[in-house]
Amino acid sequence: MSAMVELRSVRKSFGSLEVLKGVDLEVAAGEVTVVLGPSGSGKSTLLRTINHLEKVDGGWVSVDGELVGYRRGDKASARRAPGKGGGGGRAGKLYELRERDVLKQRTHIGFVFQNFNLFPHLTVLENIVEAPVSALKRPRRQAVASAEALLARVGLADKADAYPKQLSGGQQQRVAIARALALEPKLLLFDEPTSALDPELVGEVLDVIKDLARQGTTMIVVTHEIGFAREVADTVVFMDDGRVVERGAPADVLDAPRHERTRAFLSKVL
């Protein structure tokens, strides 16, 4: 059975700075993978390559068996990606998809940012309804009913008519999760979802993510919350300097890390 998420030899540079240095990663359907590592290790960039917010410079990413951002050898609907010719292993020659096709792919990959990214001029309900109506062309009545159910799911049924500025940070992040779920994605990506929150608000957001995990949602979570990783993750990945240094079950990586760099990092955060 193929992985829900597969990365092979993924490289990404910003100018002369190589941020990802040949990353390989697999995430099975229904699995929660938590990515740990120091600031600057490439964690957030890794997430952004998975939904093509950042174009890879080498290697490839697939979600549910479909290449993200590229297509194999189909010039009719895509253009040749610079540096993607030759090799590529299973991928062969890659051609970059048109923006509209990339946007369509992103509807299957939910992304929850650390700073919420809600539309300040829209109510909570409208923030959740907007994408299903505009991107998926769902009937508004159906989208509203779904949004109301999602707000109840994240404990905010009474906040439908509020605006983001009227909510706490934890409430805003729960709305952001509901908004991502509104597209019924195959995969959810979380980029340090609690890092912008006051400490007393962290738990309410982590509780929502834990509930998603119990329901079998496929997730990749970049976080510094070691306790959450220990409790929820199926797999913990430790990154350093643009590479996956260690990968395994939480008990193995967190309690008996094999790599010296992992041990050094955990000694500072545990």
C-alpha atoms as a PDB file:
ATOM      1  CA  MET A   1       0.000   0.000   0.000  1.00  0.00           C
ATOM      2  CA  SER A   2       1.462   3.366  -1.022  1.00  0.00           C
ATOM      3  CA  ALA A   3       1.986   6.178   1.458  1.00  0.00           C
ATOM      4  CA  MET A   4      -0.483   9.049   1.688  1.00  0.00           C
ATOM      5  CA  VAL A   5       2.491  11.440   1.640  1.00  0.00           C
ATOM      6  CA  GLU A   6       5.805  10.694  -0.009  1.00  0.00           C
ATOM      7  CA  LEU A   7       8.853  12.936  -0.354  1.00  0.00           C
ATOM      8  CA  ARG A   8      11.907  11.813  -2.285  1.00  0.00           C
ATOM      9  CA  SER A   9      15.228  13.681  -2.294  1.00  0.00           C
ATOM     10  CA  VAL A  10      13.482  17.021  -1.786  1.00  0.00           C
ATOM     11  CA  ARG A  11      15.787  20.000  -2.035  1.00  0.00           C
ATOM     12  CA  LYS A  12      15.024  23.671  -1.589  1.00  0.00           C
ATOM     13  CA  SER A  13      17.293  26.714  -1.572  1.00  0.00           C
ATOM     14  CA  PHE A  14      16.714  30.408  -1.022  1.00  0.00           C
ATOM     15  CA  GLY A  15      19.526  32.071  -2.913  1.00  0.00           C
ATOM     16  CA  SER A  16      22.759  30.498  -1.716  1.00  0.00           C
ATOM     17  CA  LEU A  17      21.143  29.064   1.422  1.00  0.00           C
ATOM     18  CA  GLU A  18      20.172  25.409   1.018  1.00  0.00           C
ATOM     19  CA  VAL A  19      17.292  24.853   3.446  1.00  0.00           C
ATOM     20  CA  LEU A  20      16.283  21.294   2.502  1.00  0.00           C
ATOM     21  CA  LYS A  21      19.099  18.924   1.607  1.00  0.00           C
ATOM     22  CA  GLY A  22      17.558  15.826   0.071  1.00  0.00           C
ATOM     23  CA  VAL A  23      14.696  15.002   2.424  1.00  0.00           C
ATOM     24  CA  ASP A  24      12.986  11.601   2.220  1.00  0.00           C
ATOM     25  CA  LEU A  25       9.765  11.083   4.169  1.00  0.00           C
ATOM     26  CA  GLU A  26       6.693   8.854   4.093  1.00  0.00           C
ATOM     27  CA  VAL A  27       3.432   9.261   5.996  1.00  0.00           C
ATOM     28  CA  ALA A  28       0.796   6.525   5.900  1.00  0.00           C
ATOM     29  CA  ALA A  29      -2.922   7.269   5.643  1.00  0.00           C
ATOM     30  CA  GLY A  30      -4.403   7.948   9.075  1.00  0.00           C
ATOM     31  CA  GLU A  31      -0.978   8.518  10.627  1.00  0.00           C
ATOM     32  CA  VAL A  32       0.075  11.512  12.730  1.00  0.00           C
ATOM     33  CA  THR A  33       3.676  12.551  12.089  1.00  0.00           C
ATOM     34  CA  VAL A  34       5.190  15.167  14.384  1.00  0.00           C
ATOM     35  CA  VAL A  35       8.242  17.048  13.131  1.00  0.00           C
ATOM     36  CA  LEU A  36      10.648  18.413  15.738  1.00  0.00           C
ATOM     37  CA  GLY A  37      13.864  20.333  15.382  1.00  0.00           C
ATOM     38  CA  PRO A  38      15.619  23.617  16.159  1.00  0.00           C
ATOM     39  CA  SER A  39      14.669  26.876  14.491  1.00  0.00           C
ATOM     40  CA  GLY A  40      16.115  27.046  10.996  1.00  0.00           C
ATOM     41  CA  SER A  41      16.225  23.281  10.534  1.00  0.00           C
ATOM     42  CA  GLY A  42      13.820  23.402   7.563  1.00  0.00           C
ATOM     43  CA  LYS A  43      10.613  22.207   9.264  1.00  0.00           C
ATOM     44  CA  SER A  44       8.288  24.944   7.995  1.00  0.00           C
ATOM     45  CA  THR A  45       9.830  24.908   4.529  1.00  0.00           C
ATOM     46  CA  LEU A  46       9.265  21.158   4.418  1.00  0.00           C
ATOM     47  CA  LEU A  47       5.553  21.668   5.087  1.00  0.00           C
ATOM     48  CA  ARG A  48       5.304  24.392   2.458  1.00  0.00           C
ATOM     49  CA  THR A  49       6.799  22.140  -0.218  1.00  0.00           C
ATOM     50  CA  ILE A  50       4.117  19.518   0.480  1.00  0.00           C
ATOM     51  CA  ASN A  51       1.355  21.805  -0.798  1.00  0.00           C
ATOM     52  CA  HIS A  52       3.620  23.650  -3.275  1.00  0.00           C
ATOM     53  CA  LEU A  53       3.635  26.968  -1.438  1.00  0.00           C
ATOM     54  CA  GLU A  54       7.365  26.534  -2.042  1.00  0.00           C
ATOM     55  CA  LYS A  55       8.513  24.946  -5.289  1.00  0.00           C
ATOM     56  CA  VAL A  56      11.098  22.239  -4.831  1.00  0.00           C
ATOM     57  CA  ASP A  57      14.488  22.625  -6.507  1.00  0.00           C
ATOM     58  CA  GLY A  58      15.044  18.895  -6.672  1.00  0.00           C
ATOM     59  CA  GLY A  59      13.220  15.675  -5.928  1.00  0.00           C
ATOM     60  CA  TRP A  60       9.435  15.404  -5.718  1.00  0.00           C
ATOM     61  CA  VAL A  61       6.418  15.299  -3.426  1.00  0.00           C
ATOM     62  CA  SER A  62       3.275  13.209  -3.846  1.00  0.00           C
ATOM     63  CA  VAL A  63       0.020  13.119  -1.893  1.00  0.00           C
ATOM     64  CA  ASP A  64      -2.298  10.143  -2.274  1.00  0.00           C
ATOM     65  CA  GLY A  65      -0.261   8.917  -5.234  1.00  0.00           C
ATOM     66  CA  GLU A  66      -0.393  12.213  -7.159  1.00  0.00           C
ATOM     67  CA  LEU A  67       2.616  14.444  -7.710  1.00  0.00           C
ATOM     68  CA  VAL A  68       2.167  17.869  -6.114  1.00  0.00           C
ATOM     69  CA  GLY A  69       2.882  20.854  -8.359  1.00  0.00           C
ATOM     70  CA  TYR A  70       4.181  18.772 -11.256  1.00  0.00           C
ATOM     71  CA  ARG A  71       3.079  16.216 -13.787  1.00  0.00           C
ATOM     72  CA  ARG A  72       5.086  13.535 -15.525  1.00  0.00           C
ATOM     73  CA  GLY A  73       5.770  14.257 -19.191  1.00  0.00           C
ATOM     74  CA  ASP A  74       2.511  16.027 -20.094  1.00  0.00           C
ATOM     75  CA  LYS A  75       3.334  19.176 -22.007  1.00  0.00           C
ATOM     76  CA  ALA A  76      -0.274  19.856 -22.899  1.00  0.00           C
ATOM     77  CA  SER A  77      -1.274  20.889 -19.394  1.00  0.00           C
ATOM     78  CA  ALA A  78       2.037  21.890 -17.858  1.00  0.00           C
ATOM     79  CA  ARG A  79       5.365  23.482 -18.606  1.00  0.00           C
ATOM     80  CA  ARG A  80       8.818  22.020 -18.091  1.00  0.00           C
ATOM     81  CA  ALA A  81      10.116  22.645 -14.597  1.00  0.00           C
ATOM     82  CA  PRO A  82      13.644  24.106 -14.489  1.00  0.00           C
ATOM     83  CA  GLY A  83      16.170  21.526 -13.408  1.00  0.00           C
ATOM     84  CA  LYS A  84      13.609  18.712 -13.458  1.00  0.00           C
ATOM     85  CA  GLY A  85      14.761  16.877 -16.542  1.00  0.00           C
ATOM     86  CA  GLY A  86      16.530  13.554 -16.738  1.00  0.00           C
ATOM     87  CA  GLY A  87      16.661  11.227 -13.695  1.00  0.00           C
ATOM     88  CA  GLY A  88      13.986  11.856 -11.165  1.00  0.00           C
ATOM     89  CA  GLY A  89      13.610   8.146 -10.452  1.00  0.00           C
ATOM     90  CA  ARG A  90       9.989   7.173 -10.499  1.00  0.00           C
ATOM     91  CA  ALA A  91       9.003  10.713 -11.495  1.00  0.00           C
ATOM     92  CA  GLY A  92      11.010  10.900 -14.733  1.00  0.00           C
ATOM     93  CA  LYS A  93      10.692  14.252 -16.531  1.00  0.00           C
ATOM     94  CA  LEU A  94       8.570  16.676 -14.580  1.00  0.00           C
ATOM     95  CA  TYR A  95       6.517  19.562 -15.895  1.00  0.00           C
ATOM     96  CA  GLU A  96       5.182  22.256 -13.615  1.00  0.00           C
ATOM     97  CA  LEU A  97       1.405  22.457 -13.385  1.00  0.00           C
ATOM     98  CA  ARG A  98      -0.544  25.572 -14.182  1.00  0.00           C
ATOM     99  CA  GLU A  99      -1.540  27.641 -11.173  1.00  0.00           C
ATOM    100  CA  ARG A 100      -5.208  26.674 -11.427  1.00  0.00           C
ATOM    101  CA  ASP A 101      -4.251  22.987 -11.239  1.00  0.00           C
ATOM    102  CA  VAL A 102      -2.001  23.635  -8.235  1.00  0.00           C
ATOM    103  CA  LEU A 103      -4.845  25.477  -6.509  1.00  0.00           C
ATOM    104  CA  LYS A 104      -7.092  22.488  -7.145  1.00  0.00           C
ATOM    105  CA  GLN A 105      -4.518  20.190  -5.555  1.00  0.00           C
ATOM    106  CA  ARG A 106      -4.324  22.455  -2.498  1.00  0.00           C
ATOM    107  CA  THR A 107      -8.013  21.938  -1.792  1.00  0.00           C
ATOM    108  CA  HIS A 108      -7.030  18.388  -0.772  1.00  0.00           C
ATOM    109  CA  ILE A 109      -4.245  19.566   1.559  1.00  0.00           C
ATOM    110  CA  GLY A 110      -5.370  21.613   4.547  1.00  0.00           C
ATOM    111  CA  PHE A 111      -2.809  24.031   6.010  1.00  0.00           C
ATOM    112  CA  VAL A 112      -3.088  25.588   9.464  1.00  0.00           C
ATOM    113  CA  PHE A 113      -0.615  28.430   9.983  1.00  0.00           C
ATOM    114  CA  GLN A 114       0.879  29.576  13.267  1.00  0.00           C
ATOM    115  CA  ASN A 115      -0.633  33.068  12.902  1.00  0.00           C
ATOM    116  CA  PHE A 116      -4.169  31.915  12.022  1.00  0.00           C
ATOM    117  CA  ASN A 117      -4.426  33.860   8.699  1.00  0.00           C
ATOM    118  CA  LEU A 118      -8.152  34.482   9.096  1.00  0.00           C
ATOM    119  CA  PHE A 119      -9.828  37.157   6.992  1.00  0.00           C
ATOM    120  CA  PRO A 120     -10.374  40.028   9.483  1.00  0.00           C
ATOM    121  CA  HIS A 121     -13.299  41.532   7.535  1.00  0.00           C
ATOM    122  CA  LEU A 122     -15.300  38.279   7.531  1.00  0.00           C
ATOM    123  CA  THR A 123     -17.227  36.699  10.389  1.00  0.00           C
ATOM    124  CA  VAL A 124     -16.138  33.361  11.754  1.00  0.00           C
ATOM    125  CA  LEU A 125     -18.841  31.612   9.743  1.00  0.00           C
ATOM    126  CA  GLU A 126     -17.913  33.407   6.518  1.00  0.00           C
ATOM    127  CA  ASN A 127     -14.229  32.554   7.016  1.00  0.00           C
ATOM    128  CA  ILE A 128     -15.182  28.880   6.948  1.00  0.00           C
ATOM    129  CA  VAL A 129     -17.800  29.100   4.174  1.00  0.00           C
ATOM    130  CA  GLU A 130     -15.681  31.108   1.718  1.00  0.00           C
ATOM    131  CA  ALA A 131     -13.400  28.367   0.354  1.00  0.00           C
ATOM    132  CA  PRO A 132     -16.000  25.601  -0.129  1.00  0.00           C
ATOM    133  CA  VAL A 133     -18.223  28.031  -2.042  1.00  0.00           C
ATOM    134  CA  SER A 134     -15.516  29.718  -4.139  1.00  0.00           C
ATOM    135  CA  ALA A 135     -13.067  26.844  -4.655  1.00  0.00           C
ATOM    136  CA  LEU A 136     -15.346  23.797  -4.611  1.00  0.00           C
ATOM    137  CA  LYS A 137     -18.500  25.528  -5.932  1.00  0.00           C
ATOM    138  CA  ARG A 138     -20.611  24.018  -3.175  1.00  0.00           C
ATOM    139  CA  PRO A 139     -24.121  25.381  -2.660  1.00  0.00           C
ATOM    140  CA  ARG A 140     -24.008  28.085  -0.009  1.00  0.00           C
ATOM    141  CA  ARG A 141     -26.692  26.430   2.122  1.00  0.00           C
ATOM    142  CA  GLN A 142     -24.661  23.209   2.228  1.00  0.00           C
ATOM    143  CA  ALA A 143     -21.446  25.096   3.051  1.00  0.00           C
ATOM    144  CA  VAL A 144     -23.141  26.996   5.887  1.00  0.00           C
ATOM    145  CA  ALA A 145     -24.551  23.813   7.406  1.00  0.00           C
ATOM    146  CA  SER A 146     -21.123  22.185   7.218  1.00  0.00           C
ATOM    147  CA  ALA A 147     -19.450  25.268   8.752  1.00  0.00           C
ATOM    148  CA  GLU A 148     -21.894  25.304  11.651  1.00  0.00           C
ATOM    149  CA  ALA A 149     -21.218  21.626  12.312  1.00  0.00           C
ATOM    150  CA  LEU A 150     -17.464  22.242  12.230  1.00  0.00           C
ATOM    151  CA  LEU A 151     -17.746  25.150  14.664  1.00  0.00           C
ATOM    152  CA  ALA A 152     -19.631  22.881  17.046  1.00  0.00           C
ATOM    153  CA  ARG A 153     -16.898  20.278  16.589  1.00  0.00           C
ATOM    154  CA  VAL A 154     -14.177  22.718  17.688  1.00  0.00           C
ATOM    155  CA  GLY A 155     -16.299  24.099  20.527  1.00  0.00           C
ATOM    156  CA  LEU A 156     -17.199  27.449  18.966  1.00  0.00           C
ATOM    157  CA  ALA A 157     -20.837  27.061  17.934  1.00  0.00           C
ATOM    158  CA  ASP A 158     -21.676  30.344  19.677  1.00  0.00           C
ATOM    159  CA  LYS A 159     -19.037  32.362  17.776  1.00  0.00           C
ATOM    160  CA  ALA A 160     -20.399  32.069  14.217  1.00  0.00           C
ATOM    161  CA  ASP A 161     -21.237  35.778  13.944  1.00  0.00           C
ATOM    162  CA  ALA A 162     -18.131  37.073  15.708  1.00  0.00           C
ATOM    163  CA  TYR A 163     -15.166  38.629  13.909  1.00  0.00           C
ATOM    164  CA  PRO A 164     -11.618  37.343  14.401  1.00  0.00           C
ATOM    165  CA  LYS A 165     -10.550  40.384  16.441  1.00  0.00           C
ATOM    166  CA  GLN A 166     -13.248  39.524  18.987  1.00  0.00           C
ATOM    167  CA  LEU A 167     -11.730  36.096  19.639  1.00  0.00           C
ATOM    168  CA  SER A 168      -8.792  34.929  21.715  1.00  0.00           C
ATOM    169  CA  GLY A 169      -5.790  33.487  19.929  1.00  0.00           C
ATOM    170  CA  GLY A 170      -6.840  29.962  20.849  1.00  0.00           C
ATOM    171  CA  GLN A 171     -10.315  30.555  19.471  1.00  0.00           C
ATOM    172  CA  GLN A 172      -8.899  32.004  16.249  1.00  0.00           C
ATOM    173  CA  GLN A 173      -6.706  28.961  15.780  1.00  0.00           C
ATOM    174  CA  ARG A 174      -9.671  26.647  16.325  1.00  0.00           C
ATOM    175  CA  VAL A 175     -11.552  28.587  13.639  1.00  0.00           C
ATOM    176  CA  ALA A 176      -8.523  28.171  11.355  1.00  0.00           C
ATOM    177  CA  ILE A 177      -8.666  24.403  11.919  1.00  0.00           C
ATOM    178  CA  ALA A 178     -12.403  24.357  11.149  1.00  0.00           C
ATOM    179  CA  ARG A 179     -11.710  26.352   7.982  1.00  0.00           C
ATOM    180  CA  ALA A 180      -9.102  23.811   6.859  1.00  0.00           C
ATOM    181  CA  LEU A 181     -11.504  20.941   7.586  1.00  0.00           C
ATOM    182  CA  ALA A 182     -14.275  22.583   5.550  1.00  0.00           C
ATOM    183  CA  LEU A 183     -12.579  21.432   2.337  1.00  0.00           C
ATOM    184  CA  GLU A 184     -12.557  17.823   3.576  1.00  0.00           C
ATOM    185  CA  PRO A 185      -8.826  17.462   2.872  1.00  0.00           C
ATOM    186  CA  LYS A 186      -6.964  14.190   2.557  1.00  0.00           C
ATOM    187  CA  LEU A 187      -4.122  15.649   4.613  1.00  0.00           C
ATOM    188  CA  LEU A 188      -3.772  18.341   7.273  1.00  0.00           C
ATOM    189  CA  LEU A 189      -0.530  20.273   7.764  1.00  0.00           C
ATOM    190  CA  PHE A 190       0.055  22.241  10.975  1.00  0.00           C
ATOM    191  CA  ASP A 191       2.916  24.746  11.150  1.00  0.00           C
ATOM    192  CA  GLU A 192       3.604  25.321  14.855  1.00  0.00           C
ATOM    193  CA  PRO A 193      -0.120  25.815  15.567  1.00  0.00           C
ATOM    194  CA  THR A 194       0.399  26.855  19.191  1.00  0.00           C
ATOM    195  CA  SER A 195       3.552  28.990  18.948  1.00  0.00           C
ATOM    196  CA  ALA A 196       1.638  32.301  18.706  1.00  0.00           C
ATOM    197  CA  LEU A 197      -0.607  31.494  21.674  1.00  0.00           C
ATOM    198  CA  ASP A 198      -0.401  32.430  25.319  1.00  0.00           C
ATOM    199  CA  PRO A 199       0.526  29.335  27.349  1.00  0.00           C
ATOM    200  CA  GLU A 200      -2.945  28.976  28.905  1.00  0.00           C
ATOM    201  CA  LEU A 201      -4.528  28.756  25.430  1.00  0.00           C
ATOM    202  CA  VAL A 202      -2.271  26.030  24.040  1.00  0.00           C
ATOM    203  CA  GLY A 203      -4.267  23.160  25.512  1.00  0.00           C
ATOM    204  CA  GLU A 204      -7.558  24.059  23.824  1.00  0.00           C
ATOM    205  CA  VAL A 205      -5.941  23.915  20.377  1.00  0.00           C
ATOM    206  CA  LEU A 206      -4.009  20.723  21.081  1.00  0.00           C
ATOM    207  CA  ASP A 207      -7.239  19.098  22.298  1.00  0.00           C
ATOM    208  CA  VAL A 208      -8.843  19.727  18.893  1.00  0.00           C
ATOM    209  CA  ILE A 209      -5.842  18.219  17.103  1.00  0.00           C
ATOM    210  CA  LYS A 210      -5.906  15.215  19.440  1.00  0.00           C
ATOM    211  CA  ASP A 211      -9.565  14.696  18.573  1.00  0.00           C
ATOM    212  CA  LEU A 212      -8.703  14.751  14.866  1.00  0.00           C
ATOM    213  CA  ALA A 213      -5.993  12.164  15.511  1.00  0.00           C
ATOM    214  CA  ARG A 214      -8.463   9.880  17.268  1.00  0.00           C
ATOM    215  CA  GLN A 215     -10.691  10.081  14.183  1.00  0.00           C
ATOM    216  CA  GLY A 216      -7.886   8.904  11.902  1.00  0.00           C
ATOM    217  CA  THR A 217      -7.045  12.187  10.179  1.00  0.00           C
ATOM    218  CA  THR A 218      -3.706  12.101   8.326  1.00  0.00           C
ATOM    219  CA  MET A 219      -1.612  14.921   9.773  1.00  0.00           C
ATOM    220  CA  ILE A 220       1.888  16.334   9.752  1.00  0.00           C
ATOM    221  CA  VAL A 221       2.440  18.646  12.717  1.00  0.00           C
ATOM    222  CA  VAL A 222       5.470  20.870  13.173  1.00  0.00           C
ATOM    223  CA  THR A 223       5.594  21.730  16.864  1.00  0.00           C
ATOM    224  CA  HIS A 224       7.785  22.239  19.916  1.00  0.00           C
ATOM    225  CA  GLU A 225       5.215  20.554  22.171  1.00  0.00           C
ATOM    226  CA  ILE A 226       7.092  17.423  23.224  1.00  0.00           C
ATOM    227  CA  GLY A 227       4.267  16.170  25.441  1.00  0.00           C
ATOM    228  CA  PHE A 228       1.844  16.383  22.531  1.00  0.00           C
ATOM    229  CA  ALA A 229       4.287  14.474  20.321  1.00  0.00           C
ATOM    230  CA  ARG A 230       4.626  11.756  22.929  1.00  0.00           C
ATOM    231  CA  GLU A 231       0.844  11.412  23.363  1.00  0.00           C
ATOM    232  CA  VAL A 232      -0.468  11.746  19.814  1.00  0.00           C
ATOM    233  CA  ALA A 233       2.237  10.987  17.245  1.00  0.00           C
ATOM    234  CA  ASP A 234       2.522   7.681  15.462  1.00  0.00           C
ATOM    235  CA  THR A 235       5.901   8.824  14.160  1.00  0.00           C
ATOM    236  CA  VAL A 236       8.304  11.502  15.361  1.00  0.00           C
ATOM    237  CA  VAL A 237      10.740  13.035  12.891  1.00  0.00           C
ATOM    238  CA  PHE A 238      13.709  15.063  14.084  1.00  0.00           C
ATOM    239  CA  MET A 239      15.193  17.512  11.571  1.00  0.00           C
ATOM    240  CA  ASP A 240      18.435  19.417  11.743  1.00  0.00           C
ATOM    241  CA  ASP A 241      20.251  21.495   9.137  1.00  0.00           C
ATOM    242  CA  GLY A 242      17.829  20.636   6.339  1.00  0.00           C
ATOM    243  CA  ARG A 243      17.921  16.884   6.833  1.00  0.00           C
ATOM    244  CA  VAL A 244      15.882  14.197   8.577  1.00  0.00           C
ATOM    245  CA  VAL A 245      18.293  13.071  11.274  1.00  0.00           C
ATOM    246  CA  GLU A 246      16.074  10.566  13.046  1.00  0.00           C
ATOM    247  CA  ARG A 247      12.638   9.026  12.557  1.00  0.00           C
ATOM    248  CA  GLY A 248      10.713   6.513  14.620  1.00  0.00           C
ATOM    249  CA  ALA A 249       8.063   5.825  17.238  1.00  0.00           C
ATOM    250  CA  PRO A 250       7.773   8.516  19.947  1.00  0.00           C
ATOM    251  CA  ALA A 251       9.176   6.219  22.631  1.00  0.00           C
ATOM    252  CA  ASP A 252      12.243   5.521  20.509  1.00  0.00           C
ATOM    253  CA  VAL A 253      13.025   9.061  19.354  1.00  0.00           C
ATOM    254  CA  LEU A 254      12.069  10.902  22.550  1.00  0.00           C
ATOM    255  CA  ASP A 255      13.224   8.424  25.190  1.00  0.00           C
ATOM    256  CA  ALA A 256      16.099   6.624  23.487  1.00  0.00           C
ATOM    257  CA  PRO A 257      17.348   8.785  20.597  1.00  0.00           C
ATOM    258  CA  ARG A 258      20.138   7.213  18.575  1.00  0.00           C
ATOM    259  CA  HIS A 259      21.624  10.377  17.094  1.00  0.00           C
ATOM    260  CA  GLU A 260      23.780  12.725  19.135  1.00  0.00           C
ATOM    261  CA  ARG A 261      22.111  15.799  17.613  1.00  0.00           C
ATOM    262  CA  THR A 262      18.675  14.542  18.689  1.00  0.00           C
ATOM    263  CA  ARG A 263      19.936  13.903  22.227  1.00  0.00           C
ATOM    264  CA  ALA A 264      21.414  17.398  22.426  1.00  0.00           C
ATOM    265  CA  PHE A 265      18.176  19.017  21.248  1.00  0.00           C
ATOM    266  CA  LEU A 266      15.957  17.041  23.614  1.00  0.00           C
ATOM    267  CA  SER A 267      18.233  17.752  26.570  1.00  0.00           C
ATOM    268  CA  LYS A 268      17.437  21.452  26.131  1.00  0.00           C
ATOM    269  CA  VAL A 269      13.665  21.171  25.691  1.00  0.00           C
ATOM    270  CA  LEU A 270      12.663  18.358  28.038  1.00  0.00           C
END
